[in-house]
Amino acid sequence: MAFNSFSFWLVFPLIFGIYWLIPSKWNQWRKVFLVLASYLLYMNWKPAFALVLLGVTLITYWGGVFA
């Protein structure tokens, strides 16, 4: 979903609002929500690329854990 598309400007306020509705003491859940939302937005464009995004996510996560 491109930043200059009409559908982005419909979805962005919803995601932004839900993020700030999650209490700050549940910061981990905020991060999980953003990752899930980004996966859904990415899959909206081409679902097969979600596997690429999953691979990048796992490599980045494990790189941070073992660094």
PDB file of N, CA and C in Angstrom:
ATOM      1  N   MET A   1       0.860  -1.169   0.000  1.00  0.00           N
ATOM      2  CA  MET A   1       0.000   0.000   0.000  1.00  0.00           C
ATOM      3  C   MET A   1       0.909   1.235   0.000  1.00  0.00           C
ATOM      4  N   ALA A   2       0.783   2.046  -0.985  1.00  0.00           N
ATOM      5  CA  ALA A   2       1.610   3.243  -1.096  1.00  0.00           C
ATOM      6  C   ALA A   2       1.112   4.333  -0.148  1.00  0.00           C
ATOM      7  N   PHE A   3       2.054   5.138   0.320  1.00  0.00           N
ATOM      8  CA  PHE A   3       1.703   6.203   1.253  1.00  0.00           C
ATOM      9  C   PHE A   3       0.813   7.271   0.628  1.00  0.00           C
ATOM     10  N   ASN A   4       0.868   7.389  -0.664  1.00  0.00           N
ATOM     11  CA  ASN A   4       0.058   8.413  -1.320  1.00  0.00           C
ATOM     12  C   ASN A   4      -1.241   7.853  -1.890  1.00  0.00           C
ATOM     13  N   SER A   5      -1.616   6.631  -1.493  1.00  0.00           N
ATOM     14  CA  SER A   5      -2.865   6.057  -1.987  1.00  0.00           C
ATOM     15  C   SER A   5      -4.033   6.448  -1.080  1.00  0.00           C
ATOM     16  N   PHE A   6      -5.205   6.414  -1.652  1.00  0.00           N
ATOM     17  CA  PHE A   6      -6.405   6.768  -0.896  1.00  0.00           C
ATOM     18  C   PHE A   6      -6.674   5.750   0.206  1.00  0.00           C
ATOM     19  N   SER A   7      -6.455   4.472  -0.096  1.00  0.00           N
ATOM     20  CA  SER A   7      -6.726   3.435   0.905  1.00  0.00           C
ATOM     21  C   SER A   7      -5.803   3.556   2.110  1.00  0.00           C
ATOM     22  N   PHE A   8      -4.559   4.006   1.900  1.00  0.00           N
ATOM     23  CA  PHE A   8      -3.656   4.214   3.030  1.00  0.00           C
ATOM     24  C   PHE A   8      -4.232   5.253   3.981  1.00  0.00           C
ATOM     25  N   TRP A   9      -4.759   6.334   3.444  1.00  0.00           N
ATOM     26  CA  TRP A   9      -5.286   7.409   4.298  1.00  0.00           C
ATOM     27  C   TRP A   9      -6.590   7.011   4.970  1.00  0.00           C
ATOM     28  N   LEU A  10      -7.211   5.945   4.517  1.00  0.00           N
ATOM     29  CA  LEU A  10      -8.372   5.403   5.227  1.00  0.00           C
ATOM     30  C   LEU A  10      -7.951   4.476   6.366  1.00  0.00           C
ATOM     31  N   VAL A  11      -6.901   3.708   6.151  1.00  0.00           N
ATOM     32  CA  VAL A  11      -6.473   2.711   7.131  1.00  0.00           C
ATOM     33  C   VAL A  11      -5.557   3.310   8.196  1.00  0.00           C
ATOM     34  N   PHE A  12      -4.717   4.246   7.830  1.00  0.00           N
ATOM     35  CA  PHE A  12      -3.734   4.808   8.761  1.00  0.00           C
ATOM     36  C   PHE A  12      -4.365   5.372  10.030  1.00  0.00           C
ATOM     37  N   PRO A  13      -5.419   6.186   9.967  1.00  0.00           N
ATOM     38  CA  PRO A  13      -6.002   6.705  11.221  1.00  0.00           C
ATOM     39  C   PRO A  13      -6.529   5.598  12.135  1.00  0.00           C
ATOM     40  N   LEU A  14      -7.032   4.534  11.538  1.00  0.00           N
ATOM     41  CA  LEU A  14      -7.530   3.413  12.332  1.00  0.00           C
ATOM     42  C   LEU A  14      -6.379   2.734  13.085  1.00  0.00           C
ATOM     43  N   ILE A  15      -5.312   2.432  12.387  1.00  0.00           N
ATOM     44  CA  ILE A  15      -4.159   1.789  13.018  1.00  0.00           C
ATOM     45  C   ILE A  15      -3.532   2.722  14.052  1.00  0.00           C
ATOM     46  N   PHE A  16      -3.390   3.968  13.718  1.00  0.00           N
ATOM     47  CA  PHE A  16      -2.823   4.964  14.633  1.00  0.00           C
ATOM     48  C   PHE A  16      -3.663   5.065  15.903  1.00  0.00           C
ATOM     49  N   GLY A  17      -4.983   5.112  15.745  1.00  0.00           N
ATOM     50  CA  GLY A  17      -5.873   5.218  16.895  1.00  0.00           C
ATOM     51  C   GLY A  17      -5.837   3.985  17.782  1.00  0.00           C
ATOM     52  N   ILE A  18      -5.847   2.810  17.173  1.00  0.00           N
ATOM     53  CA  ILE A  18      -5.798   1.580  17.961  1.00  0.00           C
ATOM     54  C   ILE A  18      -4.479   1.487  18.720  1.00  0.00           C
ATOM     55  N   TYR A  19      -3.392   1.875  18.079  1.00  0.00           N
ATOM     56  CA  TYR A  19      -2.092   1.850  18.747  1.00  0.00           C
ATOM     57  C   TYR A  19      -2.123   2.684  20.022  1.00  0.00           C
ATOM     58  N   TRP A  20      -2.678   3.874  19.959  1.00  0.00           N
ATOM     59  CA  TRP A  20      -2.693   4.750  21.129  1.00  0.00           C
ATOM     60  C   TRP A  20      -3.777   4.369  22.126  1.00  0.00           C
ATOM     61  N   LEU A  21      -4.737   3.548  21.726  1.00  0.00           N
ATOM     62  CA  LEU A  21      -5.739   3.048  22.674  1.00  0.00           C
ATOM     63  C   LEU A  21      -5.191   1.906  23.538  1.00  0.00           C
ATOM     64  N   ILE A  22      -4.152   1.238  23.059  1.00  0.00           N
ATOM     65  CA  ILE A  22      -3.516   0.191  23.864  1.00  0.00           C
ATOM     66  C   ILE A  22      -2.740   0.890  24.982  1.00  0.00           C
ATOM     67  N   PRO A  23      -3.005   0.537  26.244  1.00  0.00           N
ATOM     68  CA  PRO A  23      -2.325   1.218  27.359  1.00  0.00           C
ATOM     69  C   PRO A  23      -0.799   1.107  27.250  1.00  0.00           C
ATOM     70  N   SER A  24      -0.108   2.156  27.671  1.00  0.00           N
ATOM     71  CA  SER A  24       1.352   2.191  27.546  1.00  0.00           C
ATOM     72  C   SER A  24       2.031   1.132  28.406  1.00  0.00           C
ATOM     73  N   LYS A  25       1.362   0.647  29.441  1.00  0.00           N
ATOM     74  CA  LYS A  25       1.968  -0.415  30.256  1.00  0.00           C
ATOM     75  C   LYS A  25       2.022  -1.737  29.493  1.00  0.00           C
ATOM     76  N   TRP A  26       1.272  -1.852  28.414  1.00  0.00           N
ATOM     77  CA  TRP A  26       1.296  -3.035  27.552  1.00  0.00           C
ATOM     78  C   TRP A  26       2.120  -2.733  26.305  1.00  0.00           C
ATOM     79  N   ASN A  27       3.288  -2.172  26.488  1.00  0.00           N
ATOM     80  CA  ASN A  27       4.113  -1.739  25.365  1.00  0.00           C
ATOM     81  C   ASN A  27       4.447  -2.894  24.423  1.00  0.00           C
ATOM     82  N   GLN A  28       4.649  -4.090  24.981  1.00  0.00           N
ATOM     83  CA  GLN A  28       4.949  -5.250  24.144  1.00  0.00           C
ATOM     84  C   GLN A  28       3.788  -5.539  23.198  1.00  0.00           C
ATOM     85  N   TRP A  29       2.552  -5.386  23.686  1.00  0.00           N
ATOM     86  CA  TRP A  29       1.382  -5.623  22.831  1.00  0.00           C
ATOM     87  C   TRP A  29       1.255  -4.560  21.751  1.00  0.00           C
ATOM     88  N   ARG A  30       1.712  -3.346  22.055  1.00  0.00           N
ATOM     89  CA  ARG A  30       1.728  -2.301  21.033  1.00  0.00           C
ATOM     90  C   ARG A  30       2.629  -2.703  19.873  1.00  0.00           C
ATOM     91  N   LYS A  31       3.805  -3.235  20.224  1.00  0.00           N
ATOM     92  CA  LYS A  31       4.754  -3.660  19.188  1.00  0.00           C
ATOM     93  C   LYS A  31       4.190  -4.816  18.367  1.00  0.00           C
ATOM     94  N   VAL A  32       3.570  -5.768  19.041  1.00  0.00           N
ATOM     95  CA  VAL A  32       2.965  -6.903  18.333  1.00  0.00           C
ATOM     96  C   VAL A  32       1.872  -6.406  17.393  1.00  0.00           C
ATOM     97  N   PHE A  33       1.067  -5.466  17.858  1.00  0.00           N
ATOM     98  CA  PHE A  33       0.007  -4.909  17.017  1.00  0.00           C
ATOM     99  C   PHE A  33       0.592  -4.254  15.763  1.00  0.00           C
ATOM    100  N   LEU A  34       1.661  -3.486  15.916  1.00  0.00           N
ATOM    101  CA  LEU A  34       2.265  -2.831  14.754  1.00  0.00           C
ATOM    102  C   LEU A  34       2.839  -3.844  13.769  1.00  0.00           C
ATOM    103  N   VAL A  35       3.440  -4.911  14.281  1.00  0.00           N
ATOM    104  CA  VAL A  35       3.973  -5.934  13.383  1.00  0.00           C
ATOM    105  C   VAL A  35       2.834  -6.608  12.629  1.00  0.00           C
ATOM    106  N   LEU A  36       1.761  -6.959  13.340  1.00  0.00           N
ATOM    107  CA  LEU A  36       0.614  -7.602  12.679  1.00  0.00           C
ATOM    108  C   LEU A  36      -0.032  -6.667  11.658  1.00  0.00           C
ATOM    109  N   ALA A  37      -0.172  -5.401  12.021  1.00  0.00           N
ATOM    110  CA  ALA A  37      -0.761  -4.443  11.082  1.00  0.00           C
ATOM    111  C   ALA A  37       0.114  -4.284   9.845  1.00  0.00           C
ATOM    112  N   SER A  38       1.424  -4.249  10.031  1.00  0.00           N
ATOM    113  CA  SER A  38       2.303  -4.109   8.874  1.00  0.00           C
ATOM    114  C   SER A  38       2.245  -5.347   7.981  1.00  0.00           C
ATOM    115  N   TYR A  39       2.139  -6.529   8.608  1.00  0.00           N
ATOM    116  CA  TYR A  39       1.987  -7.743   7.802  1.00  0.00           C
ATOM    117  C   TYR A  39       0.689  -7.693   6.998  1.00  0.00           C
ATOM    118  N   LEU A  40      -0.396  -7.291   7.626  1.00  0.00           N
ATOM    119  CA  LEU A  40      -1.676  -7.231   6.908  1.00  0.00           C
ATOM    120  C   LEU A  40      -1.636  -6.228   5.760  1.00  0.00           C
ATOM    121  N   LEU A  41      -1.024  -5.077   6.000  1.00  0.00           N
ATOM    122  CA  LEU A  41      -0.919  -4.076   4.938  1.00  0.00           C
ATOM    123  C   LEU A  41      -0.029  -4.582   3.800  1.00  0.00           C
ATOM    124  N   TYR A  42       1.040  -5.274   4.160  1.00  0.00           N
ATOM    125  CA  TYR A  42       1.948  -5.805   3.147  1.00  0.00           C
ATOM    126  C   TYR A  42       1.266  -6.907   2.350  1.00  0.00           C
ATOM    127  N   MET A  43       0.491  -7.759   3.041  1.00  0.00           N
ATOM    128  CA  MET A  43      -0.207  -8.849   2.368  1.00  0.00           C
ATOM    129  C   MET A  43      -1.341  -8.334   1.488  1.00  0.00           C
ATOM    130  N   ASN A  44      -1.824  -7.157   1.775  1.00  0.00           N
ATOM    131  CA  ASN A  44      -2.857  -6.548   0.947  1.00  0.00           C
ATOM    132  C   ASN A  44      -2.335  -6.298  -0.466  1.00  0.00           C
ATOM    133  N   TRP A  45      -1.049  -6.037  -0.569  1.00  0.00           N
ATOM    134  CA  TRP A  45      -0.446  -5.769  -1.868  1.00  0.00           C
ATOM    135  C   TRP A  45      -0.208  -7.077  -2.623  1.00  0.00           C
ATOM    136  N   LYS A  46       0.523  -8.017  -2.000  1.00  0.00           N
ATOM    137  CA  LYS A  46       0.781  -9.319  -2.624  1.00  0.00           C
ATOM    138  C   LYS A  46       1.051 -10.324  -1.498  1.00  0.00           C
ATOM    139  N   PRO A  47       0.106 -11.203  -1.222  1.00  0.00           N
ATOM    140  CA  PRO A  47       0.207 -12.117  -0.078  1.00  0.00           C
ATOM    141  C   PRO A  47       1.460 -12.996  -0.066  1.00  0.00           C
ATOM    142  N   ALA A  48       1.966 -13.375  -1.211  1.00  0.00           N
ATOM    143  CA  ALA A  48       3.141 -14.247  -1.250  1.00  0.00           C
ATOM    144  C   ALA A  48       4.373 -13.571  -0.650  1.00  0.00           C
ATOM    145  N   PHE A  49       4.430 -12.261  -0.711  1.00  0.00           N
ATOM    146  CA  PHE A  49       5.584 -11.548  -0.173  1.00  0.00           C
ATOM    147  C   PHE A  49       5.609 -11.541   1.354  1.00  0.00           C
ATOM    148  N   ALA A  50       4.542 -12.008   1.974  1.00  0.00           N
ATOM    149  CA  ALA A  50       4.529 -12.096   3.443  1.00  0.00           C
ATOM    150  C   ALA A  50       5.594 -13.077   3.915  1.00  0.00           C
ATOM    151  N   LEU A  51       5.896 -14.081   3.118  1.00  0.00           N
ATOM    152  CA  LEU A  51       6.950 -15.020   3.479  1.00  0.00           C
ATOM    153  C   LEU A  51       8.312 -14.334   3.495  1.00  0.00           C
ATOM    154  N   VAL A  52       8.533 -13.451   2.547  1.00  0.00           N
ATOM    155  CA  VAL A  52       9.782 -12.682   2.528  1.00  0.00           C
ATOM    156  C   VAL A  52       9.855 -11.799   3.776  1.00  0.00           C
ATOM    157  N   LEU A  53       8.772 -11.139   4.097  1.00  0.00           N
ATOM    158  CA  LEU A  53       8.738 -10.282   5.271  1.00  0.00           C
ATOM    159  C   LEU A  53       8.941 -11.098   6.546  1.00  0.00           C
ATOM    160  N   LEU A  54       8.358 -12.287   6.604  1.00  0.00           N
ATOM    161  CA  LEU A  54       8.551 -13.166   7.758  1.00  0.00           C
ATOM    162  C   LEU A  54      10.021 -13.554   7.895  1.00  0.00           C
ATOM    163  N   GLY A  55      10.649 -13.887   6.794  1.00  0.00           N
ATOM    164  CA  GLY A  55      12.070 -14.226   6.829  1.00  0.00           C
ATOM    165  C   GLY A  55      12.928 -13.078   7.328  1.00  0.00           C
ATOM    166  N   VAL A  56      12.665 -11.893   6.817  1.00  0.00           N
ATOM    167  CA  VAL A  56      13.415 -10.712   7.253  1.00  0.00           C
ATOM    168  C   VAL A  56      13.160 -10.428   8.730  1.00  0.00           C
ATOM    169  N   THR A  57      11.923 -10.578   9.165  1.00  0.00           N
ATOM    170  CA  THR A  57      11.586 -10.353  10.567  1.00  0.00           C
ATOM    171  C   THR A  57      12.340 -11.318  11.466  1.00  0.00           C
ATOM    172  N   LEU A  58      12.345 -12.598  11.104  1.00  0.00           N
ATOM    173  CA  LEU A  58      13.022 -13.599  11.931  1.00  0.00           C
ATOM    174  C   LEU A  58      14.532 -13.385  11.957  1.00  0.00           C
ATOM    175  N   ILE A  59      15.120 -13.093  10.818  1.00  0.00           N
ATOM    176  CA  ILE A  59      16.565 -12.840  10.771  1.00  0.00           C
ATOM    177  C   ILE A  59      16.921 -11.626  11.620  1.00  0.00           C
ATOM    178  N   THR A  60      16.142 -10.565  11.516  1.00  0.00           N
ATOM    179  CA  THR A  60      16.403  -9.361  12.298  1.00  0.00           C
ATOM    180  C   THR A  60      16.234  -9.620  13.791  1.00  0.00           C
ATOM    181  N   TYR A  61      15.183 -10.341  14.134  1.00  0.00           N
ATOM    182  CA  TYR A  61      14.918 -10.644  15.549  1.00  0.00           C
ATOM    183  C   TYR A  61      16.049 -11.472  16.149  1.00  0.00           C
ATOM    184  N   TRP A  62      16.402 -12.557  15.477  1.00  0.00           N
ATOM    185  CA  TRP A  62      17.451 -13.421  16.007  1.00  0.00           C
ATOM    186  C   TRP A  62      18.810 -12.723  15.964  1.00  0.00           C
ATOM    187  N   GLY A  63      19.021 -11.876  15.012  1.00  0.00           N
ATOM    188  CA  GLY A  63      20.261 -11.093  14.991  1.00  0.00           C
ATOM    189  C   GLY A  63      20.363 -10.177  16.200  1.00  0.00           C
ATOM    190  N   GLY A  64      19.232  -9.611  16.596  1.00  0.00           N
ATOM    191  CA  GLY A  64      19.221  -8.760  17.783  1.00  0.00           C
ATOM    192  C   GLY A  64      19.366  -9.547  19.070  1.00  0.00           C
ATOM    193  N   VAL A  65      18.802 -10.754  19.102  1.00  0.00           N
ATOM    194  CA  VAL A  65      18.889 -11.584  20.305  1.00  0.00           C
ATOM    195  C   VAL A  65      20.316 -12.066  20.531  1.00  0.00           C
ATOM    196  N   PHE A  66      20.965 -12.495  19.455  1.00  0.00           N
ATOM    197  CA  PHE A  66      22.297 -13.084  19.604  1.00  0.00           C
ATOM    198  C   PHE A  66      23.430 -12.086  19.471  1.00  0.00           C
ATOM    199  N   ALA A  67      23.135 -10.837  19.236  1.00  0.00           N
ATOM    200  CA  ALA A  67      24.205  -9.822  19.076  1.00  0.00           C
ATOM    201  C   ALA A  67      24.762  -9.393  20.410  1.00  0.00           C
TER     202      ALA A  67
END
